[in-house]
Amino acid sequence: MAVVGLVYLAVIVLDIVSMWMVFQKAGQPGWEAIIPVYNIYLLVKIAGRPGWWWVLLLIPLVNLVIGIMVSIGVARHFDRSDVFGVGLFFLGFIFYPILAFSHSDYHLAALA
């Protein structure tokens, strides 16, 4: 049981570090990635969507569609494919570290 707890803790730390680095690449202070709710607002802004979209993430079923759209927006701003964006949504613990530790740069104007 202790091993499972350590693996879980390692995944959480990797996730926090990855989000911190993604925020920094996008020109935001990294510490903002660990502030609940505010980090979602900023992630929506990083994706190039209106800030009020974070409210849509509170609505059941709508949050799935908006979450995928935000993830695809983040992927596009880092010059990644839409499939990578879907991976960010469904397997973020794998894809955010890839995004954070790769040489991808954030571009304010992404492809539509």
Protein backbone atom coordinates (compact mmCIF):
# COMPACT_ATOMS: atom_id res chain seq x y z
CA MET A 1 0.00 0.00 0.00
CA ALA A 2 2.90 2.35 0.73
CA VAL A 3 4.29 1.84 -2.78
CA VAL A 4 0.95 2.80 -4.31
CA GLY A 5 0.90 5.93 -2.16
CA LEU A 6 4.41 6.89 -3.25
CA VAL A 7 3.57 6.36 -6.92
CA TYR A 8 0.42 8.46 -6.48
CA LEU A 9 2.44 11.21 -4.78
CA ALA A 10 5.03 11.11 -7.58
CA VAL A 11 2.29 11.51 -10.22
CA ILE A 12 0.82 14.48 -8.33
CA VAL A 13 4.22 16.18 -8.04
CA LEU A 14 4.91 15.55 -11.75
CA ASP A 15 1.52 17.03 -12.61
CA ILE A 16 2.13 20.15 -10.53
CA VAL A 17 5.61 20.67 -11.98
CA SER A 18 4.28 20.13 -15.51
CA MET A 19 1.47 22.63 -15.14
CA TRP A 20 3.89 25.11 -13.54
CA MET A 21 6.19 24.83 -16.56
CA VAL A 22 3.33 25.06 -19.08
CA PHE A 23 2.12 28.24 -17.38
CA GLN A 24 5.64 29.68 -17.48
CA LYS A 25 5.97 28.86 -21.17
CA ALA A 26 2.70 30.69 -21.76
CA GLY A 27 4.02 33.81 -20.02
CA GLN A 28 2.17 33.33 -16.73
CA PRO A 29 3.87 33.03 -13.36
CA GLY A 30 4.24 29.34 -12.57
CA TRP A 31 2.82 29.62 -9.08
CA GLU A 32 -0.57 30.51 -10.58
CA ALA A 33 -0.87 26.88 -11.69
CA ILE A 34 -1.41 25.75 -8.10
CA ILE A 35 -4.22 28.17 -7.20
CA PRO A 36 -7.57 26.30 -7.44
CA VAL A 37 -10.19 27.75 -9.80
CA TYR A 38 -7.89 30.62 -10.82
CA ASN A 39 -5.64 28.12 -12.62
CA ILE A 40 -8.63 26.94 -14.66
CA TYR A 41 -9.44 30.53 -15.60
CA LEU A 42 -5.85 31.06 -16.72
CA LEU A 43 -5.78 27.79 -18.65
CA VAL A 44 -8.88 28.95 -20.54
CA LYS A 45 -7.07 32.24 -21.31
CA ILE A 46 -3.92 30.33 -22.39
CA ALA A 47 -6.14 28.38 -24.77
CA GLY A 48 -7.21 31.68 -26.33
CA ARG A 49 -10.80 31.46 -25.15
CA PRO A 50 -12.82 34.08 -23.25
CA GLY A 51 -12.16 33.99 -19.52
CA TRP A 52 -15.82 33.45 -18.64
CA TRP A 53 -15.65 29.98 -20.23
CA TRP A 54 -14.39 28.63 -16.90
CA VAL A 55 -18.01 28.91 -15.71
CA LEU A 56 -19.07 26.53 -18.49
CA LEU A 57 -16.71 23.95 -17.00
CA LEU A 58 -19.05 23.79 -13.98
CA ILE A 59 -22.02 22.57 -16.03
CA PRO A 60 -22.30 18.77 -16.33
CA LEU A 61 -21.91 17.41 -19.89
CA VAL A 62 -21.17 20.91 -21.20
CA ASN A 63 -17.89 20.69 -19.29
CA LEU A 64 -16.82 17.73 -21.42
CA VAL A 65 -17.21 19.65 -24.66
CA ILE A 66 -15.69 22.87 -23.31
CA GLY A 67 -12.86 20.94 -21.63
CA ILE A 68 -11.93 19.28 -24.91
CA MET A 69 -12.13 22.62 -26.74
CA VAL A 70 -9.87 24.27 -24.15
CA SER A 71 -7.39 21.40 -24.32
CA ILE A 72 -7.29 21.60 -28.11
CA GLY A 73 -6.78 25.37 -27.82
CA VAL A 74 -3.83 24.84 -25.48
CA ALA A 75 -2.36 22.27 -27.88
CA ARG A 76 -2.76 24.59 -30.87
CA HIS A 77 -1.05 27.47 -29.04
CA PHE A 78 1.91 25.16 -28.47
CA ASP A 79 1.93 24.08 -32.15
CA ARG A 80 0.53 20.64 -31.36
CA SER A 81 -2.22 18.72 -33.14
CA ASP A 82 -5.86 18.49 -32.17
CA VAL A 83 -5.28 14.82 -31.31
CA PHE A 84 -2.63 15.95 -28.82
CA GLY A 85 -5.23 18.33 -27.38
CA VAL A 86 -7.66 15.46 -26.87
CA GLY A 87 -4.82 13.62 -25.15
CA LEU A 88 -4.35 16.63 -22.86
CA PHE A 89 -7.98 16.32 -21.84
CA PHE A 90 -8.24 12.57 -21.33
CA LEU A 91 -4.65 11.72 -20.29
CA GLY A 92 -3.35 14.99 -18.92
CA PHE A 93 -0.97 13.25 -16.51
CA ILE A 94 0.89 11.95 -19.57
CA PHE A 95 0.46 14.77 -22.10
CA TYR A 96 1.10 17.80 -19.86
CA PRO A 97 4.58 16.52 -18.91
CA ILE A 98 5.27 15.96 -22.61
CA LEU A 99 4.20 19.54 -23.31
CA ALA A 100 6.13 20.93 -20.34
CA PHE A 101 9.43 19.15 -20.99
CA SER A 102 9.41 19.42 -24.79
CA HIS A 103 10.82 22.28 -26.81
CA SER A 104 7.35 23.54 -27.72
CA ASP A 105 6.96 27.29 -27.51
CA TYR A 106 3.75 29.15 -26.77
CA HIS A 107 2.40 31.28 -29.59
CA LEU A 108 -0.25 33.84 -28.79
CA ALA A 109 -1.82 33.61 -32.24
CA ALA A 110 -2.66 29.97 -32.86
CA LEU A 111 -4.23 28.39 -35.89
CA ALA A 112 -8.01 28.63 -35.94
